[in-house]
Protein backbone atom coordinates (compact mmCIF):
# COMPACT_ATOMS: atom_id res chain seq x y z
CA UNK A 1 88.90 84.12 98.30
CA UNK A 2 89.75 80.73 96.74
CA UNK A 3 91.84 78.49 98.96
CA UNK A 4 94.23 77.28 96.28
CA UNK A 5 97.92 77.47 95.55
CA UNK A 6 100.78 77.94 97.98
CA UNK A 7 100.39 79.82 101.25
CA UNK A 8 102.97 82.42 102.18
CA UNK A 9 103.86 83.23 105.76
CA UNK A 10 105.70 86.20 107.25
CA UNK A 11 108.22 84.59 109.58
CA UNK A 12 107.24 86.48 112.72
CA UNK A 13 106.14 85.19 116.15
CA UNK A 14 103.27 87.59 116.73
CA UNK A 15 99.56 87.45 117.49
CA UNK A 16 97.56 85.04 115.36
CA UNK A 17 96.23 87.63 112.99
CA UNK A 18 95.49 86.54 109.45
CA UNK A 19 95.98 88.58 106.31
CA UNK A 20 95.18 87.56 102.74
CA UNK A 21 96.62 88.82 99.48
CA UNK A 22 96.26 87.38 95.99
CA UNK A 23 99.59 86.50 94.45
CA UNK A 24 99.62 87.60 90.84
CA UNK A 25 100.93 84.33 89.50
CA UNK A 26 99.21 81.65 91.63
CA UNK A 27 96.48 83.41 93.64
CA UNK A 28 98.18 82.47 96.90
CA UNK A 29 97.32 83.79 100.33
CA UNK A 30 99.57 85.59 102.73
CA UNK A 31 99.09 84.59 106.35
CA UNK A 32 100.64 85.29 109.70
CA UNK A 33 100.59 82.42 112.15
CA UNK A 34 101.09 81.83 115.84
CA UNK A 35 103.77 79.20 116.33
CA UNK A 36 102.81 78.30 119.89
CA UNK A 37 100.64 75.38 118.82
CA UNK A 38 103.03 74.00 116.21
CA UNK A 39 104.88 70.92 117.53
CA UNK A 40 108.64 70.59 117.20
CA UNK A 41 109.93 67.75 115.09
CA UNK A 42 113.31 66.08 114.76
CA UNK A 43 114.97 66.13 111.35
CA UNK A 44 118.28 64.98 109.90
CA UNK A 45 120.50 66.39 107.18
CA UNK A 46 122.30 64.05 104.81
CA UNK A 47 124.22 66.46 102.63
CA UNK A 48 127.39 65.54 100.78
CA UNK A 49 129.62 68.22 102.36
CA UNK A 50 132.12 67.54 105.15
CA UNK A 51 130.55 67.86 108.61
CA UNK A 52 132.55 71.02 109.37
CA UNK A 53 131.79 72.80 106.07
CA UNK A 54 129.57 75.44 107.72
CA UNK A 55 131.32 75.73 111.07
CA UNK A 56 133.31 78.89 110.26
CA UNK A 57 130.31 80.77 108.91
CA UNK A 58 128.11 79.70 111.82
CA UNK A 59 130.74 80.67 114.41
CA UNK A 60 131.15 84.12 112.83
CA UNK A 61 127.50 84.94 112.28
CA UNK A 62 125.72 83.52 115.33
CA UNK A 63 127.08 86.06 117.89
CA UNK A 64 125.92 88.94 115.64
CA UNK A 65 122.31 87.75 115.30
CA UNK A 66 119.97 88.89 118.08
CA UNK A 67 116.54 87.95 119.40
CA UNK A 68 113.99 90.79 119.34
CA UNK A 69 110.91 90.85 121.55
CA UNK A 70 108.30 93.54 120.95
CA UNK A 71 105.28 94.62 122.96
CA UNK A 72 102.39 96.24 121.11
CA UNK A 73 99.34 97.80 122.75
CA UNK A 74 96.40 97.76 120.31
CA UNK A 75 95.00 101.22 119.66
CA UNK A 76 91.36 100.47 118.95
CA UNK A 77 89.02 103.31 118.02
CA UNK A 78 86.31 101.71 120.12
CA UNK A 79 87.04 99.42 123.02
CA UNK A 80 85.11 96.20 123.28
CA UNK A 81 82.35 96.13 125.90
CA UNK A 82 83.19 93.90 128.87
CA UNK A 83 80.49 93.37 131.52
CA UNK A 84 83.17 92.48 134.07
CA UNK A 85 84.43 96.06 134.12
CA UNK A 86 81.01 97.49 135.00
CA UNK A 87 81.77 96.55 138.62
CA UNK A 88 84.81 98.82 138.49
CA UNK A 89 83.18 101.93 137.12
CA UNK A 90 82.84 101.18 133.42
CA UNK A 91 81.73 98.65 130.84
CA UNK A 92 84.64 98.86 128.42
CA UNK A 93 87.84 96.85 128.83
CA UNK A 94 91.29 98.18 127.99
CA UNK A 95 93.10 96.64 124.97
CA UNK A 96 95.60 94.05 126.18
CA UNK A 97 99.26 94.27 125.14
CA UNK A 98 100.42 91.75 122.55
CA UNK A 99 103.89 90.25 122.42
CA UNK A 100 105.73 89.20 119.27
CA UNK A 101 109.28 88.29 118.42
CA UNK A 102 111.76 88.06 115.59
CA UNK A 103 115.44 88.38 114.84
CA UNK A 104 117.92 91.09 113.97
CA UNK A 105 121.51 91.49 112.76
CA UNK A 106 124.12 93.69 114.43
CA UNK A 107 125.83 95.73 111.69
CA UNK A 108 128.06 98.06 113.75
CA UNK A 109 130.08 97.48 116.90
CA UNK A 110 128.24 100.31 118.69
CA UNK A 111 124.84 98.63 118.50
CA UNK A 112 122.99 99.39 115.27
CA UNK A 113 120.77 96.46 114.29
CA UNK A 114 118.85 95.78 111.08
CA UNK A 115 115.61 93.82 111.16
CA UNK A 116 112.29 93.63 109.31
CA UNK A 117 109.73 96.41 109.46
CA UNK A 118 107.01 93.86 110.24
CA UNK A 119 108.94 92.74 113.33
CA UNK A 120 108.92 96.18 115.02
CA UNK A 121 105.98 97.96 113.38
CA UNK A 122 103.72 99.48 116.05
CA UNK A 123 106.00 98.37 118.89
CA UNK A 124 105.70 100.27 122.18
CA UNK A 125 108.64 98.43 123.69
CA UNK A 126 111.59 96.64 122.09
CA UNK A 127 113.82 94.19 123.98
CA UNK A 128 116.99 92.81 122.45
CA UNK A 129 118.77 89.66 123.63
CA UNK A 130 122.24 88.72 122.43
CA UNK A 131 123.46 85.18 121.84
CA UNK A 132 125.15 85.30 125.29
CA UNK A 133 121.74 86.12 126.86
CA UNK A 134 122.58 89.72 127.70
CA UNK A 135 119.47 91.89 127.40
CA UNK A 136 119.07 95.50 126.27
CA UNK A 137 116.32 98.01 125.63
CA UNK A 138 116.07 98.74 121.91
CA UNK A 139 115.33 102.13 120.35
CA UNK A 140 113.66 102.38 116.95
CA UNK A 141 115.79 104.55 114.67
CA UNK A 142 113.61 104.28 111.57
CA UNK A 143 111.76 101.89 109.31
CA UNK A 144 110.84 101.51 105.65
CA UNK A 145 107.61 99.64 104.81
CA UNK A 146 108.43 99.71 101.08
CA UNK A 147 111.34 97.29 101.60
CA UNK A 148 110.21 95.74 104.93
CA UNK A 149 113.37 96.95 106.69
CA UNK A 150 113.94 98.74 109.98
CA UNK A 151 116.87 99.83 112.14
CA UNK A 152 117.01 99.73 115.93
CA UNK A 153 119.80 100.65 118.36
CA UNK A 154 121.08 99.34 121.67
CA UNK A 155 123.58 101.13 123.90
CA UNK A 156 126.71 99.00 123.96
CA UNK A 157 130.25 98.99 122.58
CA UNK A 158 132.60 96.45 121.02
CA UNK A 159 129.77 94.22 119.83
CA UNK A 160 130.27 91.44 117.27
CA UNK A 161 128.80 92.47 113.90
CA UNK A 162 128.45 91.18 110.36
CA UNK A 163 129.97 92.69 107.23
CA UNK A 164 127.83 93.41 104.19
CA UNK A 165 128.60 91.23 101.18
CA UNK A 166 127.87 92.11 97.54
CA UNK A 167 124.55 90.42 96.79
CA UNK A 168 125.06 91.01 93.05
CA UNK A 169 127.79 88.35 93.24
CA UNK A 170 125.46 85.76 94.77
CA UNK A 171 124.95 82.81 92.42
CA UNK A 172 122.01 80.48 92.07
CA UNK A 173 123.12 77.15 93.51
CA UNK A 174 125.64 78.47 96.04
CA UNK A 175 125.47 77.37 99.68
CA UNK A 176 124.08 79.78 102.28
CA UNK A 177 123.19 79.74 105.98
CA UNK A 178 120.09 81.23 107.62
CA UNK A 179 120.68 82.39 111.19
CA UNK A 180 117.91 83.46 113.56
CA UNK A 181 115.55 82.54 116.37
CA UNK A 182 112.72 80.37 115.01
CA UNK A 183 109.99 79.43 117.53
CA UNK A 184 112.04 81.33 120.17
CA UNK A 185 114.83 78.78 119.76
CA UNK A 186 117.82 81.10 120.13
CA UNK A 187 120.78 81.11 117.75
CA UNK A 188 119.58 78.55 115.24
CA UNK A 189 121.55 77.89 112.03
CA UNK A 190 120.18 76.14 108.94
CA UNK A 191 121.79 75.47 105.56
CA UNK A 192 120.56 75.53 101.99
CA UNK A 193 121.31 76.85 98.53
CA UNK A 194 120.21 79.92 96.62
CA UNK A 195 117.21 78.75 94.58
CA UNK A 196 116.53 81.94 92.62
CA UNK A 197 117.18 85.69 92.56
CA UNK A 198 115.04 88.77 91.95
CA UNK A 199 111.90 87.00 93.14
CA UNK A 200 108.73 89.10 93.51
CA UNK A 201 106.03 87.50 95.70
CA UNK A 202 103.88 90.61 96.31
CA UNK A 203 104.02 90.35 100.10
CA UNK A 204 105.10 93.95 100.75
CA UNK A 205 102.61 95.51 98.33
CA UNK A 206 99.68 95.31 100.77
CA UNK A 207 101.26 97.93 103.02
CA UNK A 208 103.47 99.85 100.62
CA UNK A 209 101.33 99.73 97.47
CA UNK A 210 103.13 100.60 94.24
CA UNK A 211 106.15 101.83 96.17
CA UNK A 212 106.98 98.30 97.35
CA UNK A 213 110.37 96.96 96.28
CA UNK A 214 110.57 93.17 96.06
CA UNK A 215 113.57 91.44 94.56
CA UNK A 216 114.14 88.63 97.04
CA UNK A 217 116.91 86.06 97.17
CA UNK A 218 115.05 82.75 97.28
CA UNK A 219 116.67 79.89 99.20
CA UNK A 220 115.77 76.46 100.50
CA UNK A 221 117.42 77.11 103.87
CA UNK A 222 114.88 76.34 106.60
CA UNK A 223 113.27 79.55 107.89
CA UNK A 224 110.33 79.62 110.31
CA UNK A 225 108.31 82.11 112.41
CA UNK A 226 110.85 84.05 114.46
CA UNK A 227 113.52 84.04 111.74
CA UNK A 228 112.27 87.37 110.34
CA UNK A 229 115.02 89.96 110.39
CA UNK A 230 117.73 87.34 110.78
CA UNK A 231 120.83 86.83 108.65
CA UNK A 232 121.38 85.03 105.38
CA UNK A 233 125.14 84.57 105.07
CA UNK A 234 127.61 83.00 102.65
CA UNK A 235 130.15 80.39 103.69
CA UNK A 236 132.53 83.17 104.74
CA UNK A 237 129.95 84.39 107.24
CA UNK A 238 129.29 87.64 105.35
CA UNK A 239 125.80 89.11 105.17
CA UNK A 240 124.11 88.60 101.79
CA UNK A 241 120.49 89.09 102.86
CA UNK A 242 117.91 89.72 105.59
CA UNK A 243 115.44 86.85 105.97
CA UNK A 244 111.88 88.05 105.59
CA UNK A 245 109.30 85.46 104.46
CA UNK A 246 108.62 81.81 103.67
CA UNK A 247 106.36 79.92 101.29
CA UNK A 248 104.28 77.28 103.02
CA UNK A 249 100.94 75.42 102.97
CA UNK A 250 101.17 74.65 106.70
CA UNK A 251 102.38 77.75 108.53
CA UNK A 252 105.92 76.40 108.90
CA UNK A 253 108.86 75.89 106.57
CA UNK A 254 107.96 73.85 103.49
CA UNK A 255 110.83 74.37 101.08
CA UNK A 256 111.38 78.04 100.20
CA UNK A 257 112.34 81.19 102.04
CA UNK A 258 112.98 84.75 100.89
CA UNK A 259 115.61 87.30 101.90
CA UNK A 260 116.06 90.98 101.10
CA UNK A 261 119.37 91.30 99.18
CA UNK A 262 122.21 92.96 101.06
CA UNK A 263 122.92 95.66 98.46
CA UNK A 264 119.37 96.99 98.78
CA UNK A 265 119.32 96.58 102.56
CA UNK A 266 122.68 98.34 102.94
CA UNK A 267 121.41 101.45 101.13
CA UNK A 268 118.12 101.58 103.04
CA UNK A 269 119.90 101.12 106.38
CA UNK A 270 122.44 103.85 105.54
CA UNK A 271 119.60 106.27 104.75
CA UNK A 272 117.81 105.50 108.00
CA UNK A 273 121.01 105.94 109.99
CA UNK A 274 121.99 109.18 108.20
CA UNK A 275 118.57 110.82 107.70
CA UNK A 276 116.11 108.91 109.88
CA UNK A 277 114.12 108.02 106.73
CA UNK A 278 114.81 106.51 103.32
CA UNK A 279 115.79 108.88 100.53
CA UNK A 280 114.57 106.92 97.53
CA UNK A 281 115.16 107.88 93.93
CA UNK A 282 112.41 107.29 91.35
CA UNK A 283 112.78 106.75 87.63
CA UNK A 284 109.14 107.47 86.83
CA UNK A 285 108.10 104.63 84.54
CA UNK A 286 105.22 102.17 84.54
CA UNK A 287 106.52 98.70 83.76
CA UNK A 288 104.73 95.86 81.97
CA UNK A 289 105.73 92.21 81.69
CA UNK A 290 107.92 91.64 78.66
CA UNK A 291 106.06 89.30 76.31
CA UNK A 292 107.18 87.81 72.97
CA UNK A 293 104.76 90.19 71.23
CA UNK A 294 106.23 93.28 72.94
CA UNK A 295 109.78 92.11 72.30
CA UNK A 296 109.01 91.58 68.60
CA UNK A 297 107.37 95.00 68.43
CA UNK A 298 110.62 96.53 69.67
CA UNK A 299 112.76 94.38 67.33
CA UNK A 300 114.28 92.71 70.38
CA UNK A 301 115.31 89.05 70.18
CA UNK A 302 115.57 88.31 73.93
CA UNK A 303 113.12 87.87 76.78
CA UNK A 304 115.17 89.67 79.42
CA UNK A 305 114.58 93.26 80.46
CA UNK A 306 111.90 95.62 81.78
CA UNK A 307 109.34 96.91 79.27
CA UNK A 308 108.37 100.57 79.66
CA UNK A 309 104.60 100.76 79.25
CA UNK A 310 104.24 104.41 80.16
CA UNK A 311 106.26 107.45 81.26
CA UNK A 312 105.17 109.52 84.27
CA UNK A 313 104.85 113.19 83.22
CA UNK A 314 107.59 115.40 84.68
CA UNK A 315 109.57 112.40 85.86
CA UNK A 316 113.27 111.62 85.65
CA UNK A 317 112.53 109.21 82.81
CA UNK A 318 110.77 111.88 80.75
CA UNK A 319 113.56 114.40 81.35
CA UNK A 320 116.15 111.74 80.50
CA UNK A 321 114.61 110.91 77.14
CA UNK A 322 113.06 107.52 77.87
CA UNK A 323 109.97 106.60 75.85
CA UNK A 324 107.07 104.17 76.00
CA UNK A 325 108.09 100.93 74.32
CA UNK A 326 111.71 101.08 75.51
CA UNK A 327 113.14 97.92 77.03
CA UNK A 328 115.54 98.66 79.90
CA UNK A 329 118.38 96.10 79.96
CA UNK A 330 120.98 97.70 82.25
CA UNK A 331 121.19 100.20 85.13
CA UNK A 332 124.66 101.58 85.81
CA UNK A 333 126.18 98.53 84.15
CA UNK A 334 124.07 96.02 86.09
CA UNK A 335 121.98 93.67 83.97
CA UNK A 336 118.20 94.01 84.25
CA UNK A 337 116.46 90.72 83.50
CA UNK A 338 113.06 91.56 85.00
CA UNK A 339 110.94 94.29 86.56
CA UNK A 340 111.93 93.32 90.14
CA UNK A 341 115.60 93.72 89.24
CA UNK A 342 114.91 97.17 87.79
CA UNK A 343 113.12 98.17 91.01
CA UNK A 344 115.96 96.87 93.14
CA UNK A 345 118.70 98.59 91.15
CA UNK A 346 116.93 101.97 91.07
CA UNK A 347 116.03 101.75 94.78
CA UNK A 348 119.75 101.76 95.63
CA UNK A 349 119.99 105.41 94.55
CA UNK A 350 118.85 108.71 96.03
CA UNK A 351 117.10 111.68 94.42
CA UNK A 352 119.66 113.74 92.54
CA UNK A 353 121.86 110.75 91.66
CA UNK A 354 122.78 110.39 87.98
CA UNK A 355 122.20 106.90 86.63
CA UNK A 356 123.13 105.40 83.26
CA UNK A 357 120.23 103.54 81.67
CA UNK A 358 120.92 101.16 78.77
CA UNK A 359 117.83 100.36 76.74
CA UNK A 360 116.68 98.82 73.49
CA UNK A 361 114.57 100.94 71.15
CA UNK A 362 113.56 99.75 67.68
CA UNK A 363 116.26 97.08 67.81
CA UNK A 364 119.04 99.54 68.72
CA UNK A 365 120.96 99.76 71.99
CA UNK A 366 120.80 103.29 73.40
CA UNK A 367 122.35 104.73 76.57
CA UNK A 368 120.70 107.55 78.52
CA UNK A 369 121.88 109.40 81.62
CA UNK A 370 119.00 110.09 83.98
CA UNK A 371 118.92 112.24 87.12
CA UNK A 372 116.60 110.51 89.57
CA UNK A 373 113.89 112.44 91.40
CA UNK A 374 111.81 111.97 94.55
CA UNK A 375 108.08 111.20 94.62
CA UNK A 376 107.33 114.89 94.10
CA UNK A 377 109.43 114.84 90.89
CA UNK A 378 112.16 116.96 92.43
CA UNK A 379 115.84 116.06 92.08
CA UNK A 380 116.63 116.75 95.74
CA UNK A 381 116.62 115.08 99.12
CA UNK A 382 113.55 115.59 101.29
CA UNK A 383 113.46 116.39 104.98
CA UNK A 384 112.41 113.74 107.45
CA UNK A 385 109.30 115.76 108.25
CA UNK A 386 108.24 115.94 104.58
CA UNK A 387 108.70 112.22 104.01
CA UNK A 388 106.96 111.22 107.23
CA UNK A 389 104.01 113.51 106.54
CA UNK A 390 103.46 111.97 103.11
CA UNK A 391 103.90 108.45 104.46
CA UNK A 392 101.51 108.98 107.36
CA UNK A 393 98.77 110.38 105.12
CA UNK A 394 98.93 107.41 102.74
CA UNK A 395 99.20 104.94 105.60
CA UNK A 396 96.06 106.33 107.26
CA UNK A 397 93.99 105.54 104.18
CA UNK A 398 95.21 101.95 104.38
CA UNK A 399 94.80 101.36 100.64
CA UNK A 400 97.08 100.90 97.64
CA UNK A 401 96.88 103.15 94.60
CA UNK A 402 98.37 103.34 91.12
CA UNK A 403 98.34 105.91 88.35
CA UNK A 404 96.17 105.33 85.32
CA UNK A 405 98.10 104.63 82.16
CA UNK A 406 97.50 106.95 79.25
CA UNK A 407 95.53 104.21 77.49
CA UNK A 408 93.27 103.65 80.51
CA UNK A 409 92.63 107.37 80.88
CA UNK A 410 91.83 107.68 77.18
CA UNK A 411 89.28 104.85 77.36
CA UNK A 412 87.56 106.58 80.28
CA UNK A 413 87.65 109.96 78.55
CA UNK A 414 89.64 111.65 81.30
CA UNK A 415 93.04 113.31 81.46
CA UNK A 416 94.27 111.19 84.36
CA UNK A 417 93.43 109.74 87.74
CA UNK A 418 94.38 107.40 90.55
CA UNK A 419 93.10 103.83 90.59
CA UNK A 420 92.45 101.97 93.85
CA UNK A 421 94.39 98.72 93.45
CA UNK A 422 93.77 97.39 96.97
CA UNK A 423 91.21 98.76 99.45
CA UNK A 424 93.09 97.58 102.54
CA UNK A 425 91.67 98.07 106.03
CA UNK A 426 92.28 101.75 106.80
CA UNK A 427 90.10 104.85 106.67
CA UNK A 428 89.08 104.26 103.07
CA UNK A 429 87.58 100.86 103.86
CA UNK A 430 86.11 102.02 107.16
CA UNK A 431 84.28 105.04 105.73
CA UNK A 432 83.36 104.08 102.15
CA UNK A 433 82.18 101.17 100.03
CA UNK A 434 84.86 101.85 97.41
CA UNK A 435 86.03 98.69 95.66
CA UNK A 436 89.20 97.79 93.76
CA UNK A 437 89.28 99.45 90.35
CA UNK A 438 87.61 102.68 91.45
CA UNK A 439 89.28 105.69 89.80
CA UNK A 440 89.68 108.89 91.82
CA UNK A 441 89.45 111.92 89.53
CA UNK A 442 89.02 114.75 92.05
CA UNK A 443 90.03 115.23 95.66
CA UNK A 444 88.58 118.12 97.69
CA UNK A 445 87.27 119.69 94.46
CA UNK A 446 90.71 119.61 92.84
CA UNK A 447 91.59 117.52 89.78
CA UNK A 448 93.85 114.52 90.41
CA UNK A 449 95.93 113.41 87.43
CA UNK A 450 98.82 111.57 89.07
CA UNK A 451 100.24 110.39 92.39
CA UNK A 452 101.96 113.71 92.98
CA UNK A 453 98.61 115.54 92.84
CA UNK A 454 97.00 112.90 95.04
CA UNK A 455 99.62 112.98 97.80
CA UNK A 456 99.93 116.78 97.75
CA UNK A 457 96.19 117.28 98.29
CA UNK A 458 96.10 114.59 100.99
CA UNK A 459 98.95 116.21 102.90
CA UNK A 460 97.41 119.67 102.66
CA UNK A 461 94.08 118.46 104.04
CA UNK A 462 95.23 116.15 106.82
CA UNK A 463 93.02 116.92 109.81
CA UNK A 464 90.40 118.77 107.77
CA UNK A 465 88.58 115.89 106.09
CA UNK A 466 88.57 114.66 102.51
CA UNK A 467 86.02 114.63 99.67
CA UNK A 468 86.63 111.94 97.04
CA UNK A 469 85.09 112.08 93.56
CA UNK A 470 85.46 109.33 90.97
CA UNK A 471 83.91 106.46 89.06
CA UNK A 472 84.43 102.90 87.89
CA UNK A 473 85.77 102.10 84.39
CA UNK A 474 83.03 101.07 82.00
CA UNK A 475 80.25 102.41 84.25
CA UNK A 476 78.25 105.61 84.10
CA UNK A 477 77.77 107.93 87.03
CA UNK A 478 80.06 109.80 89.40
CA UNK A 479 80.35 108.75 93.03
CA UNK A 480 81.21 110.96 96.00
CA UNK A 481 82.64 110.06 99.42
CA UNK A 482 83.48 112.32 102.35
CA UNK A 483 85.00 111.47 105.75
CA UNK A 484 87.24 112.82 108.47
CA UNK A 485 90.93 112.52 107.76
């Protein structure tokens, strides 16, 4: 992979594992870095505000931001051979526990804490330290890879906590504070401004695939490894975002950081607390970048909105009367300027919720009322068991998938299929030589036309193995792959 562009780093003090992911607009790489070998440096701030401008916000937010330490025991399929252990009855060494750390934000006085999914994912033990150095054992309540959020709980009462602010009211240029524990330096506060909103940097997509929701608040507040899961607050000390990632060529802060907006985080956290999992509503559209040509084709004189390239059959969008070529400009009265904003707005709702969609079609503004559905195209909430089963099956494959558009299917002469958009490092990569672009047409001798078919067959055959049939666009010949699942 070409070593060009900006490097992006997940702000997490964990093992020095490296991951790479092409960014769609600058072919960047995503990396995780170990901060132990990064020297501390002194820096000064010469802003034009009074010296006590941030004192109130810092005093309010710091006690509610915690340090999280996690212990993960690697679960290798095959342990590495170690000659040392042959003297003790065997030649294979046990995987050694790994320790990582991050931050979290107390959101209720009885101990519920929001953090990033990547901070606690795979954790066997979670330790939480407050700003007064009191320590607690944390319990994982639930997590959501699609938004990189998780909720943990400690047993305590009358804790300081932060209040959710309305992230829709956040303005580019306003002052904000980032609060967390970079490099294990407890209770650190940095200041900056909001640089941009609704920023998509494709960092979550590697684990969540097409279900990833990225509409970050971008700031220039200094965020470093260990800040993940910490608070982004306004000058009133109210929570406007959860810090998640930074952009850097060095492995440390280099100018930009990214936070999950509070309105999205609040909904995800509420679902996890109420149901144990996220109840996410889906519109059922494939979105393309709005170009001048597409805008002109729709008799639209602006370059703001989300262009509907295709409608998923049986989806909420199809039932609600949306069509290919529509340009979505508002969701429940909230302006949609880009695809990330559309994702964020829709992700705040649950299956069964009615949502007003304002769109432009042939130069006319039209309003539709759509009842959102779940991934199975049902307008109802799913049980925790159903959602976890589907999530676990997809996670085991370790790859990302997307539905073929009608045009792609037509070119291949098929009625539908699932395209592998990222092979990942799970069972698919371990058991096959499938490459990106491969189109799955049949699974266990059953036709696959869309994601619903794909996930249903996977769930039904978990534990019994899987037979994949498909081919590459523009190439002749059908390929078959079979492996335990």
